[in-house]
Amino acid sequence: MESKRFTLIELLVVVAIISILASLLLPALGASREKGRTAVCKSNMKQINVATYMYVADNDDYYMMNTDDSISWDDRLGIYDSRDLSMTQQKLDGNQFPLLSGLSASANKLYTCPSDDVERVVGRYTRTYIPSRYRNGTWQKGIINEVNYPDQSRRITEVTSPSKSIAFFEHYGEHNAMSNVGNQADSQAPWIFNATSDYKHKDLYMNFLMVDGSIMFTTYINTIQVHSQRPGYRTETNPYSIGYGSSSVIGTFWDCD
C-alpha cells in the first residue's frame, strides 16, 4: 500500500500559515504581558503605600527621611513591608546591602517593577520606585528630603490635595537601588524624564502613586500641566510661569503644598 506524503508545496503552505498566525498572535501576547507587568507594578506601589501609611501613623504623620547614616526611605519601611529589617540591616548602604543584609534580591521584589531591566551599578539590588523630592521653603514640593538636607520630610496632613499630589513614581536609573539614600527627584530632573529609554511602559506612560494611595498611569508631560485653580497658580493670562523646563511646580501634580 502506497503511503501518502506531503509535497514540498504543501509543506511551504503550512509554514506560511503558521508564520501568518504567529505574526497575528505575538503582538497580542506581547501586549498582554505588558498589561500584566503594569498591573504588578501598580500592585507593588499600592503595597508600598500601605507600608508608608503604617510608618506615617507611627511617626506623628511624617514621611520617611533619608539620613546621612545610610538609612534610606525604603530601609525605614523595612519593618512594615514584611522584610522585618533590623537596625543593623537598615544602616547598610546600597553597596553593602546585597552582601551583608542576608536578603536575596527576590526578598526586595516589592520595590521592583517587572519591566525594570536596567542593571544597577556594582551589583546593587534594583529599586524602581522613588519619592518626590521635598525641601522646606523651596520649589521642591514633594514628600521626602534629599540626604544633603537631613531632618526634613513632609507631614502627610500638610498635603492639601492628596489625590493630585505625587508621592512615588518609577525611575529606571542604574543608581536607584535598595538602601541607597539618594535618588529623590522631581519634575525638574531631565536625566530621568527626557530620554525615551527611561520609560518602560507603552507610549511613554508610567505609574505615579499619589498621596491618597491612588495610582495615576499617565505621561510625564501630563504631570507638569496645571490642575489647580487656586490663587497664584498659572492662568490663561500668565501661561508661562510653570511647566516643562520651569523651576516652578506650583499647581502641577508635583505640588504637595
Protein backbone atom coordinates (compact mmCIF):
# COMPACT_ATOMS: atom_id res chain seq x y z
CA MET A 1 0.00 0.00 0.00
CA GLU A 2 1.45 3.32 -1.07
CA SER A 3 1.87 5.83 1.79
CA LYS A 4 0.87 9.49 1.31
CA ARG A 5 3.49 12.14 1.77
CA PHE A 6 3.37 15.91 1.88
CA THR A 7 4.70 17.61 -1.19
CA LEU A 8 7.14 20.48 -0.88
CA ILE A 9 4.45 22.94 -1.88
CA GLU A 10 2.10 21.66 0.81
CA LEU A 11 4.82 21.98 3.45
CA LEU A 12 5.55 25.54 2.35
CA VAL A 13 1.84 26.40 2.59
CA VAL A 14 1.70 25.03 6.15
CA VAL A 15 4.82 27.01 7.13
CA ALA A 16 3.34 30.14 5.61
CA ILE A 17 0.07 29.71 7.52
CA ILE A 18 1.95 29.19 10.79
CA SER A 19 4.02 32.33 10.13
CA ILE A 20 0.90 34.39 9.46
CA LEU A 21 -0.77 33.14 12.63
CA ALA A 22 2.36 33.87 14.65
CA SER A 23 2.56 37.41 13.27
CA LEU A 24 -1.04 37.96 14.35
CA LEU A 25 -0.72 36.42 17.80
CA LEU A 26 2.70 37.64 19.00
CA PRO A 27 1.79 41.36 19.25
CA ALA A 28 -1.33 40.44 21.21
CA LEU A 29 0.71 38.23 23.54
CA GLY A 30 3.27 41.00 23.98
CA ALA A 31 0.53 43.49 24.83
CA SER A 32 -0.93 41.05 27.35
CA ARG A 33 2.45 40.59 29.01
CA GLU A 34 2.93 44.34 29.26
CA LYS A 35 -0.52 44.74 30.81
CA GLY A 36 0.43 42.08 33.34
CA ARG A 37 3.71 43.82 34.19
CA THR A 38 1.93 47.15 34.55
CA ALA A 39 -0.63 45.56 36.89
CA VAL A 40 2.13 44.08 39.07
CA CYS A 41 3.85 47.46 39.14
CA LYS A 42 0.65 49.12 40.33
CA SER A 43 0.18 46.42 42.97
CA ASN A 44 3.73 46.98 44.25
CA MET A 45 3.09 50.68 44.62
CA LYS A 46 -0.18 50.06 46.44
CA GLN A 47 1.64 47.84 48.95
CA ILE A 48 4.39 50.42 49.38
CA ASN A 49 1.65 52.94 50.09
CA VAL A 50 0.19 50.70 52.81
CA ALA A 51 3.63 50.37 54.45
CA THR A 52 4.10 54.13 54.16
CA TYR A 53 0.78 54.82 55.86
CA MET A 54 1.76 52.49 58.69
CA TYR A 55 5.07 54.34 59.10
CA VAL A 56 3.34 57.73 59.00
CA ALA A 57 0.86 56.62 61.65
CA ASP A 58 3.74 55.68 63.96
CA ASN A 59 5.75 58.85 63.34
CA ASP A 60 3.48 61.79 64.07
CA ASP A 61 2.23 61.94 60.45
CA TYR A 62 5.72 62.49 59.00
CA TYR A 63 7.00 60.68 55.92
CA MET A 64 10.25 58.72 56.00
CA MET A 65 13.55 60.62 55.91
CA ASN A 66 16.88 59.90 54.28
CA THR A 67 19.70 60.48 56.76
CA ASP A 68 23.46 60.63 56.48
CA ASP A 69 23.86 57.39 58.47
CA SER A 70 22.86 55.47 55.30
CA ILE A 71 19.28 54.82 56.38
CA SER A 72 17.12 55.36 53.31
CA TRP A 73 13.37 55.73 52.99
CA ASP A 74 12.97 52.08 51.95
CA ASP A 75 15.09 50.98 54.92
CA ARG A 76 12.65 52.76 57.20
CA LEU A 77 9.79 50.81 55.64
CA GLY A 78 11.68 47.58 56.35
CA ILE A 79 9.69 46.84 59.50
CA TYR A 80 6.35 47.48 57.75
CA ASP A 81 6.81 45.72 54.39
CA SER A 82 7.26 42.15 55.77
CA ARG A 83 11.08 42.19 55.48
CA ASP A 84 11.45 42.89 59.22
CA LEU A 85 14.79 44.70 58.86
CA SER A 86 16.94 45.12 61.95
CA MET A 87 18.65 48.44 62.66
CA THR A 88 21.94 46.87 61.55
CA GLN A 89 20.40 45.94 58.21
CA GLN A 90 18.84 49.39 57.83
CA LYS A 91 22.21 51.09 58.24
CA LEU A 92 23.80 49.18 55.35
CA ASP A 93 24.36 51.38 52.32
CA GLY A 94 23.43 50.47 48.77
CA ASN A 95 26.72 48.68 48.11
CA GLN A 96 26.72 46.74 51.39
CA PHE A 97 23.07 45.72 51.38
CA PRO A 98 23.30 42.85 48.83
CA LEU A 99 26.37 41.44 50.56
CA LEU A 100 25.58 41.81 54.26
CA SER A 101 21.81 42.07 54.67
CA GLY A 102 21.24 38.32 54.32
CA LEU A 103 18.37 39.00 51.93
CA SER A 104 18.16 37.88 48.33
CA ALA A 105 17.12 40.17 45.51
CA SER A 106 13.75 38.43 45.38
CA ALA A 107 13.10 39.40 49.00
CA ASN A 108 13.00 43.01 47.83
CA LYS A 109 10.86 42.45 44.73
CA LEU A 110 8.10 44.64 46.16
CA TYR A 111 10.26 47.60 45.16
CA THR A 112 10.89 46.41 41.59
CA CYS A 113 8.68 46.88 38.55
CA PRO A 114 8.74 43.74 36.35
CA SER A 115 9.50 45.99 33.36
CA ASP A 116 12.67 47.31 35.01
CA ASP A 117 15.54 45.59 33.17
CA VAL A 118 18.25 48.16 33.91
CA GLU A 119 21.31 46.67 35.60
CA ARG A 120 22.30 48.51 38.77
CA VAL A 121 25.88 49.53 39.48
CA VAL A 122 28.25 47.28 41.45
CA GLY A 123 25.65 44.56 41.98
CA ARG A 124 23.16 46.66 43.91
CA TYR A 125 19.61 45.40 44.30
CA THR A 126 17.10 47.04 41.98
CA ARG A 127 14.71 49.63 43.35
CA THR A 128 12.36 51.03 40.71
CA TYR A 129 10.37 53.48 42.81
CA ILE A 130 11.47 56.82 44.23
CA PRO A 131 9.68 59.55 46.20
CA SER A 132 9.06 63.08 45.06
CA ARG A 133 11.64 65.48 46.45
CA TYR A 134 10.93 67.79 49.37
CA ARG A 135 12.95 70.74 50.56
CA ASN A 136 11.27 73.04 53.03
CA GLY A 137 10.78 76.58 51.79
CA THR A 138 11.75 75.89 48.17
CA TRP A 139 10.03 74.95 44.90
CA GLN A 140 10.73 71.27 45.62
CA LYS A 141 7.31 70.43 46.98
CA GLY A 142 7.30 66.63 47.22
CA ILE A 143 7.33 64.44 50.32
CA ILE A 144 10.86 63.21 51.20
CA ASN A 145 14.14 65.06 51.64
CA GLU A 146 17.48 64.74 49.91
CA VAL A 147 20.26 63.36 52.09
CA ASN A 148 22.04 66.73 51.83
CA TYR A 149 19.07 68.26 53.62
CA PRO A 150 18.60 66.00 56.65
CA ASP A 151 15.83 66.11 59.18
CA GLN A 152 13.27 67.20 56.62
CA SER A 153 10.22 65.36 55.44
CA ARG A 154 6.67 66.41 54.91
CA ARG A 155 3.74 65.66 57.19
CA ILE A 156 1.03 63.91 55.28
CA THR A 157 -1.52 66.18 56.95
CA GLU A 158 0.10 69.16 55.17
CA VAL A 159 -0.84 67.86 51.73
CA THR A 160 -3.83 69.89 50.56
CA SER A 161 -4.82 67.78 47.52
CA PRO A 162 -3.80 64.15 48.20
CA SER A 163 -5.40 62.79 45.03
CA LYS A 164 -3.48 65.32 42.92
CA SER A 165 -0.07 65.10 44.62
CA ILE A 166 2.68 62.68 43.54
CA ALA A 167 4.27 60.67 46.33
CA PHE A 168 6.22 57.99 44.42
CA PHE A 169 6.94 57.20 40.80
CA GLU A 170 9.10 54.97 38.60
CA HIS A 171 12.74 55.64 37.77
CA TYR A 172 14.88 53.08 35.94
CA GLY A 173 18.27 54.53 36.85
CA GLU A 174 21.38 52.44 37.43
CA HIS A 175 21.97 54.18 40.76
CA ASN A 176 18.41 53.79 42.01
CA ALA A 177 18.93 50.84 44.31
CA MET A 178 17.75 49.37 47.58
CA SER A 179 19.16 51.10 50.66
CA ASN A 180 20.51 53.99 48.60
CA VAL A 181 19.81 57.29 50.32
CA GLY A 182 19.93 59.23 47.06
CA ASN A 183 17.60 59.42 44.07
CA GLN A 184 14.75 61.58 45.24
CA ALA A 185 13.56 63.50 42.24
CA ASP A 186 11.04 65.99 40.99
CA SER A 187 9.72 67.38 37.75
CA GLN A 188 12.98 69.21 37.05
CA ALA A 189 15.13 66.10 36.69
CA PRO A 190 15.86 65.85 32.93
CA TRP A 191 18.14 62.87 33.46
CA ILE A 192 15.02 60.97 34.46
CA PHE A 193 12.40 62.19 32.07
CA ASN A 194 13.97 63.33 28.81
CA ALA A 195 15.22 60.04 27.36
CA THR A 196 12.65 57.68 25.88
CA SER A 197 14.71 54.79 27.26
CA ASP A 198 13.63 55.90 30.75
CA TYR A 199 10.07 54.78 30.05
CA LYS A 200 9.37 51.05 30.16
CA HIS A 201 5.62 51.00 29.74
CA LYS A 202 3.77 51.56 26.50
CA ASP A 203 3.57 55.01 24.89
CA LEU A 204 5.90 56.69 27.42
CA TYR A 205 3.48 56.07 30.27
CA MET A 206 4.49 55.34 33.86
CA ASN A 207 2.81 54.75 37.20
CA PHE A 208 2.57 57.57 39.71
CA LEU A 209 1.50 56.80 43.28
CA MET A 210 -0.49 59.69 44.66
CA VAL A 211 -0.56 60.69 48.33
CA ASP A 212 -4.09 59.33 48.76
CA GLY A 213 -2.94 55.86 47.58
CA SER A 214 -4.44 56.03 44.10
CA ILE A 215 -2.36 55.21 41.03
CA MET A 216 -2.19 57.60 38.09
CA PHE A 217 -1.00 55.89 34.90
CA THR A 218 0.00 58.74 32.65
CA THR A 219 2.85 60.51 30.89
CA TYR A 220 5.37 62.82 32.50
CA ILE A 221 4.18 65.69 30.32
CA ASN A 222 0.72 65.37 31.82
CA THR A 223 2.10 65.64 35.35
CA ILE A 224 3.53 69.10 34.75
CA GLN A 225 0.28 70.52 33.45
CA VAL A 226 -1.57 72.77 35.87
CA HIS A 227 -4.52 71.07 37.55
CA SER A 228 -5.35 73.60 40.27
CA GLN A 229 -7.14 76.93 40.02
CA ARG A 230 -6.07 78.15 43.44
CA PRO A 231 -4.90 81.81 43.66
CA GLY A 232 -1.35 82.33 42.45
CA TYR A 233 -1.37 79.41 40.07
CA ARG A 234 -0.86 79.71 36.35
CA THR A 235 -3.77 81.23 34.45
CA GLU A 236 -4.55 81.98 30.83
CA THR A 237 -3.09 85.45 31.25
CA ASN A 238 0.10 84.09 32.86
CA PRO A 239 0.70 80.83 31.00
CA TYR A 240 4.48 80.59 31.26
CA SER A 241 5.05 80.54 35.00
CA ILE A 242 5.24 76.78 35.20
CA GLY A 243 5.64 73.72 33.04
CA TYR A 244 8.37 71.80 31.25
CA GLY A 245 11.78 73.37 31.84
CA SER A 246 10.49 75.70 34.54
CA SER A 247 11.68 75.64 38.14
CA SER A 248 8.16 76.07 39.47
CA VAL A 249 5.83 73.15 40.13
CA ILE A 250 3.02 75.20 41.63
CA GLY A 251 -0.32 73.85 40.59
CA THR A 252 1.05 70.69 38.99
CA PHE A 253 0.87 67.12 40.28
CA TRP A 254 4.33 67.67 41.80
CA ASP A 255 2.97 70.29 44.17
CA CYS A 256 2.10 68.74 47.54
CA ASP A 257 1.54 72.08 49.26
